[in-house]
Amino acid sequence: MLSAFGRALRTPDLRRKLGITLGLIVLYRLGTFVPAPGVDYGNVQQCLALGTTTGGIYDMVNLFSGGALLQLSVFALGVMPYITASIITQLLRVVIPRFQELHEEGAQGQTKLTQYTRYLTIGLALLNATTIVSLARSGALLGDCPLPVIPDDTILTVVIMVITMTAGTAIIMWLGERITEKGVGNGMSLLIFTSIAATFPSALGDILRTKGWGVFLAVLAVGLVVITCVVFVEQSQRRVPVQYAKRMVGRRTIGGTTTYIPLKVNMAGVIPIIFASSMLMLPGMLAQFGMPETGTDIPGWVTWINTYLVTGDHPVYMVLYFLMIVFFTYFYVSITFNPEEVSNNMKRYGGFIPGIRAGRPTERYLQYVLTRITFPGALYLGIVSMIPLIALVMVDANQNFPFGGPSLLIMVGVGLDTVKQIEAQLQQRHYEGLLR
């Protein structure tokens, strides 16, 4: 594998792409440490050192931003606005026929959808930045830290901070698109990978410092086992064979080939975990608005939410989280994979599944296979997502436990996809692949 990397670096075109990718990633990481205008960086670092930060419902945003959120940096929002906008645009295809028409138009329609995603990203970034700055002004973002993080909280300062963070999101979006176009791999995925990987040293260091070598080595062993299982499941797929009949196009005979439809066990990826986490964030946000200013006479519903639906260490939270992940897995797969569309495309080009009639029987068969294969995929996502919550109870680790949940799924998925792309480019130049 190391020799294959050496050959990749000796290939001028691939070396240039790798250099561009690494350079833009470094630029992205530097931006996460640049504080936004008006932020007292020293006070923020003291609050982080005191351990008074209670990210709570913003843990996932802070994870995807590589810790930039709680530091109130220029790139504080990270890639979450773009991820949310992409998911919303994808879901709107079911509701708005025009979006589905654009999706079916090919490259031109995809360009239009990408433009809509950019506009929606900026809108969401503006809304998120306003929320984050408001929480920072009130002190809710950094828990009970007594130090002011925005000393001069005038309207002008707040407006400048909101504009700066929104512009930072636009720059992140531009960096991701440049990596996709000029570099290697999917740009936004690599930025997420970088953000999550940046949190691993500190998370493991905290476990070593607070729990000792025994727990630290146990965590590493569990992480190795989990990574092996995740790689195995992510690579698993059900291959539905498809036979294409021979037909004449002009003077040429085409068809007569056998291929397959790859149905992955985890077709939904990490999206169901993001959906479930976002839904469970809402009660915590409502509870914050229901808290009295004096801290006395707390409403009963606020106490119930803070007890059962905020910390993540309660069985009620765990059960709801698991069931919501299973539900959203089926929901998202039903949206992204349409058996009727696949069946019609196969019928149009003379394809059929051996032993299954074309048309409606093929659609029912694909739906049957998809339902059966989605069930273990949903259980797999639920189990992996429960690892940080179980660690929170057993080893008293924080919710950013490194080996589990969306962080591990994204890192393994992005890593495998990037290695495959590099391997494909090496094979195009008649070199051995990275995994050979």
Protein backbone atom coordinates (compact mmCIF):
# COMPACT_ATOMS: atom_id res chain seq x y z
CA MET A 1 0.00 0.00 0.00
CA LEU A 2 2.85 2.40 0.83
CA SER A 3 4.48 1.67 -2.52
CA ALA A 4 1.18 2.44 -4.22
CA PHE A 5 1.10 5.83 -2.46
CA GLY A 6 4.63 6.40 -3.68
CA ARG A 7 3.55 5.73 -7.27
CA ALA A 8 0.62 8.10 -6.79
CA LEU A 9 3.00 10.85 -5.71
CA ARG A 10 5.24 10.16 -8.70
CA THR A 11 2.32 10.63 -11.11
CA PRO A 12 2.33 14.38 -11.99
CA ASP A 13 -1.41 14.80 -12.51
CA LEU A 14 -2.40 12.83 -9.43
CA ARG A 15 0.32 14.53 -7.36
CA ARG A 16 -1.09 17.92 -8.34
CA LYS A 17 -4.61 16.87 -7.37
CA LEU A 18 -3.42 15.54 -4.02
CA GLY A 19 -1.50 18.76 -3.40
CA ILE A 20 -4.55 20.90 -4.16
CA THR A 21 -6.70 18.75 -1.87
CA LEU A 22 -4.25 18.91 1.04
CA GLY A 23 -3.70 22.64 0.57
CA LEU A 24 -7.41 23.45 0.67
CA ILE A 25 -7.89 21.20 3.70
CA VAL A 26 -5.11 23.04 5.53
CA LEU A 27 -6.73 26.36 4.62
CA TYR A 28 -10.03 25.08 6.00
CA ARG A 29 -8.43 24.01 9.28
CA LEU A 30 -6.70 27.37 9.67
CA GLY A 31 -10.06 29.12 9.33
CA THR A 32 -11.47 27.15 12.26
CA PHE A 33 -8.98 28.88 14.59
CA VAL A 34 -9.58 32.46 13.39
CA PRO A 35 -12.01 34.10 15.86
CA ALA A 36 -14.95 36.07 14.54
CA PRO A 37 -14.86 39.89 15.01
CA GLY A 38 -15.98 40.94 18.47
CA VAL A 39 -15.12 37.63 20.17
CA ASP A 40 -12.78 37.64 23.17
CA TYR A 41 -10.68 34.66 22.17
CA GLY A 42 -8.90 34.52 25.53
CA ASN A 43 -12.16 34.26 27.48
CA VAL A 44 -13.44 31.58 25.11
CA GLN A 45 -10.31 29.49 25.68
CA GLN A 46 -10.62 29.93 29.43
CA CYS A 47 -14.23 28.76 29.31
CA LEU A 48 -13.19 25.72 27.29
CA ALA A 49 -10.35 25.01 29.74
CA LEU A 50 -12.70 25.29 32.74
CA GLY A 51 -14.91 22.63 31.23
CA THR A 52 -18.08 24.63 31.78
CA THR A 53 -19.19 24.25 28.17
CA THR A 54 -22.38 22.31 27.77
CA GLY A 55 -22.82 22.06 24.02
CA GLY A 56 -25.91 19.88 24.49
CA ILE A 57 -28.01 20.13 21.35
CA TYR A 58 -25.08 21.65 19.44
CA ASP A 59 -22.73 18.68 19.93
CA MET A 60 -23.20 17.44 16.36
CA VAL A 61 -22.71 20.90 14.86
CA ASN A 62 -19.55 21.32 16.94
CA LEU A 63 -18.37 17.86 15.84
CA PHE A 64 -18.89 18.59 12.14
CA SER A 65 -17.16 21.96 12.50
CA GLY A 66 -14.06 20.40 14.07
CA GLY A 67 -14.63 22.23 17.36
CA ALA A 68 -14.95 25.61 15.63
CA LEU A 69 -18.50 26.24 16.89
CA LEU A 70 -17.65 26.52 20.58
CA GLN A 71 -14.63 28.68 19.68
CA LEU A 72 -16.88 31.10 17.76
CA SER A 73 -14.48 31.17 14.83
CA VAL A 74 -15.06 32.41 11.29
CA PHE A 75 -15.89 28.83 10.24
CA ALA A 76 -18.05 28.21 13.34
CA LEU A 77 -21.00 26.83 11.38
CA GLY A 78 -18.87 24.32 9.49
CA VAL A 79 -20.55 22.23 6.80
CA MET A 80 -23.86 21.70 8.61
CA PRO A 81 -25.78 24.40 6.66
CA TYR A 82 -24.70 22.80 3.38
CA ILE A 83 -25.57 19.29 4.60
CA THR A 84 -28.99 20.46 5.77
CA ALA A 85 -29.62 22.31 2.49
CA SER A 86 -28.63 19.25 0.46
CA ILE A 87 -30.98 17.02 2.44
CA ILE A 88 -33.85 19.50 2.12
CA THR A 89 -33.30 19.82 -1.64
CA GLN A 90 -33.30 16.05 -1.96
CA LEU A 91 -36.50 15.69 0.06
CA LEU A 92 -38.23 18.44 -1.94
CA ARG A 93 -38.03 16.20 -5.01
CA VAL A 94 -40.89 14.21 -3.48
CA VAL A 95 -43.00 17.31 -2.77
CA ILE A 96 -42.20 19.63 -5.70
CA PRO A 97 -42.51 18.05 -9.18
CA ARG A 98 -40.22 20.69 -10.67
CA PHE A 99 -37.31 19.46 -8.53
CA GLN A 100 -37.89 15.89 -9.70
CA GLU A 101 -37.93 17.09 -13.33
CA LEU A 102 -34.61 18.87 -12.80
CA HIS A 103 -33.17 15.71 -11.26
CA GLU A 104 -34.14 13.72 -14.35
CA GLU A 105 -32.74 16.27 -16.83
CA GLY A 106 -29.17 15.15 -16.32
CA ALA A 107 -26.18 17.46 -15.91
CA GLN A 108 -28.08 20.67 -16.69
CA GLY A 109 -30.79 19.89 -14.14
CA GLN A 110 -28.22 18.90 -11.52
CA THR A 111 -26.49 22.24 -12.02
CA LYS A 112 -29.75 24.04 -11.33
CA LEU A 113 -30.38 21.96 -8.21
CA THR A 114 -26.86 22.71 -7.02
CA GLN A 115 -27.57 26.42 -7.43
CA TYR A 116 -30.73 26.10 -5.35
CA THR A 117 -28.73 24.24 -2.71
CA ARG A 118 -26.23 27.09 -2.55
CA TYR A 119 -28.94 29.70 -2.05
CA LEU A 120 -30.58 27.60 0.66
CA THR A 121 -27.19 27.08 2.34
CA ILE A 122 -26.66 30.83 2.65
CA GLY A 123 -30.18 31.28 4.06
CA LEU A 124 -29.68 28.54 6.64
CA ALA A 125 -26.24 29.88 7.52
CA LEU A 126 -27.71 33.31 8.16
CA LEU A 127 -30.35 31.81 10.44
CA ASN A 128 -27.87 29.56 12.27
CA ALA A 129 -25.35 32.35 12.74
CA THR A 130 -28.01 34.58 14.27
CA THR A 131 -28.97 31.80 16.69
CA ILE A 132 -25.36 31.02 17.66
CA VAL A 133 -24.47 34.67 18.27
CA SER A 134 -27.63 35.18 20.35
CA LEU A 135 -26.77 32.13 22.48
CA ALA A 136 -23.20 33.38 22.88
CA ARG A 137 -24.43 36.81 24.04
CA SER A 138 -26.73 35.26 26.64
CA GLY A 139 -24.06 32.79 27.82
CA ALA A 140 -26.14 29.70 26.98
CA LEU A 141 -23.69 28.45 24.34
CA LEU A 142 -20.77 28.02 26.75
CA GLY A 143 -22.71 26.82 29.78
CA ASP A 144 -22.15 28.56 33.10
CA CYS A 145 -18.89 30.26 32.23
CA PRO A 146 -18.84 33.63 34.01
CA LEU A 147 -16.52 35.28 31.48
CA PRO A 148 -18.10 37.33 28.67
CA VAL A 149 -17.17 35.99 25.25
CA ILE A 150 -18.57 39.03 23.42
CA PRO A 151 -17.61 42.05 25.57
CA ASP A 152 -18.99 44.66 23.16
CA ASP A 153 -22.37 43.12 22.31
CA THR A 154 -23.79 46.07 20.44
CA ILE A 155 -26.09 45.62 17.46
CA LEU A 156 -23.29 46.55 15.05
CA THR A 157 -20.96 43.91 16.53
CA VAL A 158 -23.69 41.26 16.35
CA VAL A 159 -24.48 42.10 12.71
CA ILE A 160 -20.78 41.93 11.78
CA MET A 161 -20.42 38.54 13.51
CA VAL A 162 -23.49 37.14 11.73
CA ILE A 163 -22.25 38.36 8.35
CA THR A 164 -18.76 36.99 9.02
CA MET A 165 -20.00 33.51 9.98
CA THR A 166 -22.34 33.43 6.98
CA ALA A 167 -19.45 34.41 4.71
CA GLY A 168 -17.36 31.69 6.36
CA THR A 169 -19.99 29.13 5.37
CA ALA A 170 -19.88 30.41 1.78
CA ILE A 171 -16.08 30.03 1.78
CA ILE A 172 -16.37 26.46 3.11
CA MET A 173 -18.85 25.66 0.36
CA TRP A 174 -16.44 27.10 -2.22
CA LEU A 175 -13.52 25.09 -0.78
CA GLY A 176 -15.54 21.88 -0.99
CA GLU A 177 -16.52 22.50 -4.59
CA ARG A 178 -12.93 23.29 -5.56
CA ILE A 179 -11.72 20.03 -3.98
CA THR A 180 -14.36 18.09 -5.91
CA GLU A 181 -13.47 19.83 -9.17
CA LYS A 182 -9.68 20.16 -8.93
CA GLY A 183 -8.67 17.62 -6.29
CA VAL A 184 -9.37 14.02 -5.29
CA GLY A 185 -12.62 12.83 -3.74
CA ASN A 186 -15.81 14.59 -2.72
CA GLY A 187 -14.90 18.00 -1.31
CA MET A 188 -17.60 18.43 1.33
CA SER A 189 -17.14 14.84 2.52
CA LEU A 190 -13.40 15.36 2.92
CA LEU A 191 -13.99 18.56 4.91
CA ILE A 192 -16.34 16.66 7.23
CA PHE A 193 -13.73 13.90 7.50
CA THR A 194 -11.09 16.46 8.43
CA SER A 195 -13.30 18.11 11.04
CA ILE A 196 -14.14 14.83 12.74
CA ALA A 197 -10.57 13.52 12.59
CA ALA A 198 -9.37 16.74 14.25
CA THR A 199 -11.45 15.92 17.36
CA PHE A 200 -9.99 12.42 17.85
CA PRO A 201 -6.69 13.40 19.56
CA SER A 202 -8.40 15.60 22.14
CA ALA A 203 -11.17 13.04 22.79
CA LEU A 204 -8.69 10.21 23.28
CA GLY A 205 -6.46 12.49 25.35
CA ASP A 206 -9.35 13.33 27.66
CA ILE A 207 -10.11 9.64 28.18
CA LEU A 208 -6.46 8.88 28.92
CA ARG A 209 -6.12 11.81 31.31
CA THR A 210 -9.33 11.19 33.24
CA LYS A 211 -9.71 7.38 33.10
CA GLY A 212 -6.17 6.05 32.88
CA TRP A 213 -4.42 3.58 30.62
CA GLY A 214 -6.80 0.67 31.28
CA VAL A 215 -9.90 2.42 29.96
CA PHE A 216 -7.85 4.07 27.20
CA LEU A 217 -6.58 0.73 25.86
CA ALA A 218 -10.08 -0.75 26.16
CA VAL A 219 -11.48 2.13 24.12
CA LEU A 220 -8.83 1.58 21.43
CA ALA A 221 -9.65 -2.14 21.31
CA VAL A 222 -13.37 -1.45 21.02
CA GLY A 223 -12.65 1.15 18.34
CA LEU A 224 -10.62 -1.34 16.28
CA VAL A 225 -13.42 -3.93 16.46
CA VAL A 226 -16.09 -1.35 15.58
CA ILE A 227 -14.08 0.00 12.64
CA THR A 228 -13.61 -3.54 11.29
CA CYS A 229 -17.35 -4.24 11.55
CA VAL A 230 -18.26 -0.88 9.97
CA VAL A 231 -15.91 -1.47 7.02
CA PHE A 232 -17.42 -4.94 6.52
CA VAL A 233 -21.02 -3.68 6.55
CA GLU A 234 -20.28 -0.60 4.43
CA GLN A 235 -18.78 -2.84 1.75
CA SER A 236 -21.65 -5.36 1.91
CA GLN A 237 -24.23 -5.30 -0.85
CA ARG A 238 -26.95 -7.44 -2.40
CA ARG A 239 -26.30 -7.81 -6.12
CA VAL A 240 -29.51 -8.27 -8.09
CA PRO A 241 -28.59 -9.83 -11.48
CA VAL A 242 -29.90 -8.09 -14.61
CA GLN A 243 -29.83 -9.56 -18.14
CA TYR A 244 -30.11 -7.30 -21.21
CA ALA A 245 -31.58 -8.77 -24.38
CA LYS A 246 -29.84 -8.28 -27.71
CA ARG A 247 -31.24 -5.57 -29.97
CA MET A 248 -30.28 -3.84 -33.20
CA VAL A 249 -29.33 -0.16 -33.21
CA GLY A 250 -28.56 0.76 -36.81
CA ARG A 251 -26.18 -1.92 -38.03
CA ARG A 252 -24.84 -2.74 -34.60
CA THR A 253 -26.03 -5.39 -32.17
CA ILE A 254 -25.97 -4.25 -28.58
CA GLY A 255 -27.11 -5.91 -25.38
CA GLY A 256 -26.85 -9.54 -24.47
CA THR A 257 -24.78 -8.65 -21.41
CA THR A 258 -25.25 -9.54 -17.76
CA THR A 259 -24.82 -6.98 -15.00
CA TYR A 260 -26.28 -6.39 -11.57
CA ILE A 261 -27.97 -3.74 -9.41
CA PRO A 262 -25.86 -3.21 -6.24
CA LEU A 263 -28.15 -2.70 -3.23
CA LYS A 264 -26.01 -1.73 -0.25
CA VAL A 265 -26.92 -2.92 3.23
CA ASN A 266 -26.53 0.66 4.42
CA MET A 267 -28.09 2.61 1.56
CA ALA A 268 -29.07 5.54 3.79
CA GLY A 269 -25.56 6.28 5.01
CA VAL A 270 -25.39 8.61 8.01
CA ILE A 271 -28.52 10.60 7.11
CA PRO A 272 -30.92 8.74 9.49
CA ILE A 273 -28.63 9.49 12.44
CA ILE A 274 -28.58 13.18 11.51
CA PHE A 275 -32.38 13.19 11.16
CA ALA A 276 -32.90 11.47 14.53
CA SER A 277 -30.42 13.74 16.30
CA SER A 278 -32.05 16.82 14.79
CA MET A 279 -35.51 15.71 15.90
CA LEU A 280 -34.29 15.05 19.45
CA MET A 281 -32.69 18.51 19.49
CA LEU A 282 -36.10 20.18 19.22
CA PRO A 283 -37.36 19.32 22.75
CA GLY A 284 -34.13 20.64 24.24
CA MET A 285 -34.49 23.89 22.32
CA LEU A 286 -38.10 24.28 23.51
CA ALA A 287 -37.00 23.60 27.08
CA GLN A 288 -34.43 26.40 26.87
CA PHE A 289 -37.14 28.87 25.88
CA GLY A 290 -39.35 27.60 28.72
CA MET A 291 -36.74 28.16 31.45
CA PRO A 292 -37.59 31.09 33.78
CA GLU A 293 -35.05 33.88 34.10
CA THR A 294 -34.81 33.61 37.90
CA GLY A 295 -34.11 29.86 37.86
CA THR A 296 -37.01 29.08 40.22
CA ASP A 297 -40.45 27.57 39.66
CA ILE A 298 -39.37 25.54 36.61
CA PRO A 299 -42.38 24.18 34.66
CA GLY A 300 -42.95 20.45 34.91
CA TRP A 301 -42.67 19.81 31.19
CA VAL A 302 -39.27 21.53 31.12
CA THR A 303 -38.05 19.32 33.96
CA TRP A 304 -39.33 16.20 32.16
CA ILE A 305 -37.56 17.13 28.92
CA ASN A 306 -34.29 17.96 30.72
CA THR A 307 -34.47 14.63 32.54
CA TYR A 308 -35.38 12.28 29.71
CA LEU A 309 -34.55 13.94 26.37
CA VAL A 310 -31.42 16.05 26.79
CA THR A 311 -28.51 14.28 28.46
CA GLY A 312 -28.59 11.07 26.37
CA ASP A 313 -27.82 8.74 29.28
CA HIS A 314 -31.46 7.92 30.05
CA PRO A 315 -33.08 4.72 28.69
CA VAL A 316 -36.04 6.71 27.32
CA TYR A 317 -33.68 8.82 25.21
CA MET A 318 -31.81 5.76 23.99
CA VAL A 319 -34.95 3.86 22.99
CA LEU A 320 -36.41 6.88 21.17
CA TYR A 321 -33.10 7.52 19.43
CA PHE A 322 -32.83 3.90 18.26
CA LEU A 323 -36.44 3.71 17.02
CA MET A 324 -36.18 7.04 15.19
CA ILE A 325 -33.03 5.89 13.41
CA VAL A 326 -34.79 2.72 12.25
CA PHE A 327 -37.79 4.76 11.05
CA PHE A 328 -35.72 7.37 9.21
CA THR A 329 -33.63 4.64 7.57
CA TYR A 330 -36.72 3.18 5.91
CA PHE A 331 -38.02 6.68 5.15
CA TYR A 332 -34.83 7.89 3.48
CA VAL A 333 -34.26 4.69 1.50
CA SER A 334 -37.84 4.86 0.17
CA ILE A 335 -37.11 8.38 -1.11
CA THR A 336 -33.67 7.82 -2.63
CA PHE A 337 -34.35 4.45 -4.30
CA ASN A 338 -37.48 4.18 -6.43
CA PRO A 339 -38.15 0.56 -7.54
CA GLU A 340 -40.75 1.75 -10.06
CA GLU A 341 -38.25 4.06 -11.77
CA VAL A 342 -35.56 1.38 -11.84
CA SER A 343 -38.02 -1.15 -13.25
CA ASN A 344 -39.17 1.24 -15.99
CA ASN A 345 -35.59 2.04 -16.98
CA MET A 346 -34.74 -1.66 -17.20
CA LYS A 347 -37.83 -2.33 -19.33
CA ARG A 348 -37.03 0.62 -21.62
CA TYR A 349 -33.58 -0.76 -22.44
CA GLY A 350 -34.59 -4.41 -22.65
CA GLY A 351 -33.32 -5.47 -19.25
CA PHE A 352 -34.92 -8.02 -16.94
CA ILE A 353 -34.14 -9.95 -13.78
CA PRO A 354 -33.79 -13.69 -14.57
CA GLY A 355 -36.93 -15.48 -13.44
CA ILE A 356 -38.88 -12.23 -12.93
CA ARG A 357 -41.18 -10.70 -15.54
CA ALA A 358 -40.49 -7.11 -16.58
CA GLY A 359 -42.71 -4.29 -15.36
CA ARG A 360 -44.81 -4.58 -12.22
CA PRO A 361 -43.39 -7.97 -11.05
CA THR A 362 -39.86 -6.55 -11.24
CA GLU A 363 -40.92 -3.51 -9.20
CA ARG A 364 -42.46 -5.73 -6.51
CA TYR A 365 -39.37 -7.95 -6.42
CA LEU A 366 -37.03 -4.97 -6.01
CA GLN A 367 -39.27 -3.57 -3.27
CA TYR A 368 -39.21 -6.95 -1.50
CA VAL A 369 -35.42 -7.20 -1.65
CA LEU A 370 -35.01 -3.58 -0.59
CA THR A 371 -37.29 -4.02 2.44
CA ARG A 372 -35.44 -7.11 3.61
CA ILE A 373 -31.97 -5.61 3.17
CA THR A 374 -32.92 -2.32 4.82
CA PHE A 375 -33.88 -4.02 8.08
CA PRO A 376 -30.33 -5.19 9.01
CA GLY A 377 -29.01 -1.87 7.73
CA ALA A 378 -31.34 0.03 10.07
CA LEU A 379 -30.36 -2.17 13.03
CA TYR A 380 -26.70 -1.64 12.17
CA LEU A 381 -27.09 2.14 12.15
CA GLY A 382 -29.00 2.04 15.42
CA ILE A 383 -26.36 -0.10 17.15
CA VAL A 384 -23.43 2.01 15.93
CA SER A 385 -25.18 5.22 16.96
CA MET A 386 -25.78 3.81 20.48
CA ILE A 387 -22.07 3.28 21.14
CA PRO A 388 -21.38 6.88 22.32
CA LEU A 389 -24.48 6.82 24.55
CA ILE A 390 -23.47 3.50 26.12
CA ALA A 391 -19.96 4.88 26.63
CA LEU A 392 -21.51 7.92 28.32
CA VAL A 393 -23.04 5.60 30.92
CA MET A 394 -20.31 2.96 31.30
CA VAL A 395 -17.09 4.98 31.22
CA ASP A 396 -18.60 8.39 31.92
CA ALA A 397 -17.17 9.73 28.63
CA ASN A 398 -18.62 12.74 26.93
CA GLN A 399 -20.98 12.47 23.98
CA ASN A 400 -18.11 13.06 21.57
CA PHE A 401 -16.89 9.51 22.22
CA PRO A 402 -14.69 8.97 19.15
CA PHE A 403 -15.55 5.43 18.06
CA GLY A 404 -19.23 5.43 17.26
CA GLY A 405 -22.17 7.31 15.85
CA PRO A 406 -22.01 9.52 12.78
CA SER A 407 -18.33 10.34 13.25
CA LEU A 408 -17.09 6.81 12.67
CA LEU A 409 -19.54 6.12 9.83
CA ILE A 410 -18.49 9.27 8.00
CA MET A 411 -14.77 8.69 8.48
CA VAL A 412 -14.91 5.08 7.28
CA GLY A 413 -17.23 5.89 4.36
CA VAL A 414 -15.25 8.90 3.16
CA GLY A 415 -11.95 7.08 3.63
CA LEU A 416 -13.10 4.10 1.55
CA ASP A 417 -14.52 6.30 -1.22
CA THR A 418 -11.38 8.44 -1.43
CA VAL A 419 -9.08 5.41 -1.57
CA LYS A 420 -11.25 3.91 -4.31
CA GLN A 421 -11.01 7.10 -6.37
CA ILE A 422 -7.23 7.19 -6.02
CA GLU A 423 -7.09 3.50 -6.93
CA ALA A 424 -9.24 4.10 -10.02
CA GLN A 425 -6.93 6.86 -11.21
CA LEU A 426 -3.89 4.65 -10.66
CA GLN A 427 -5.49 1.82 -12.64
CA GLN A 428 -6.22 4.23 -15.50
CA ARG A 429 -2.45 4.74 -15.72
CA HIS A 430 -1.79 0.95 -15.60
CA TYR A 431 -0.53 0.98 -12.02
CA GLU A 432 -1.51 -1.35 -9.22
CA GLY A 433 -4.24 -0.10 -6.93
CA LEU A 434 -3.84 0.99 -3.33
CA LEU A 435 -5.55 -2.09 -1.94
CA ARG A 436 -3.64 -4.69 -3.96
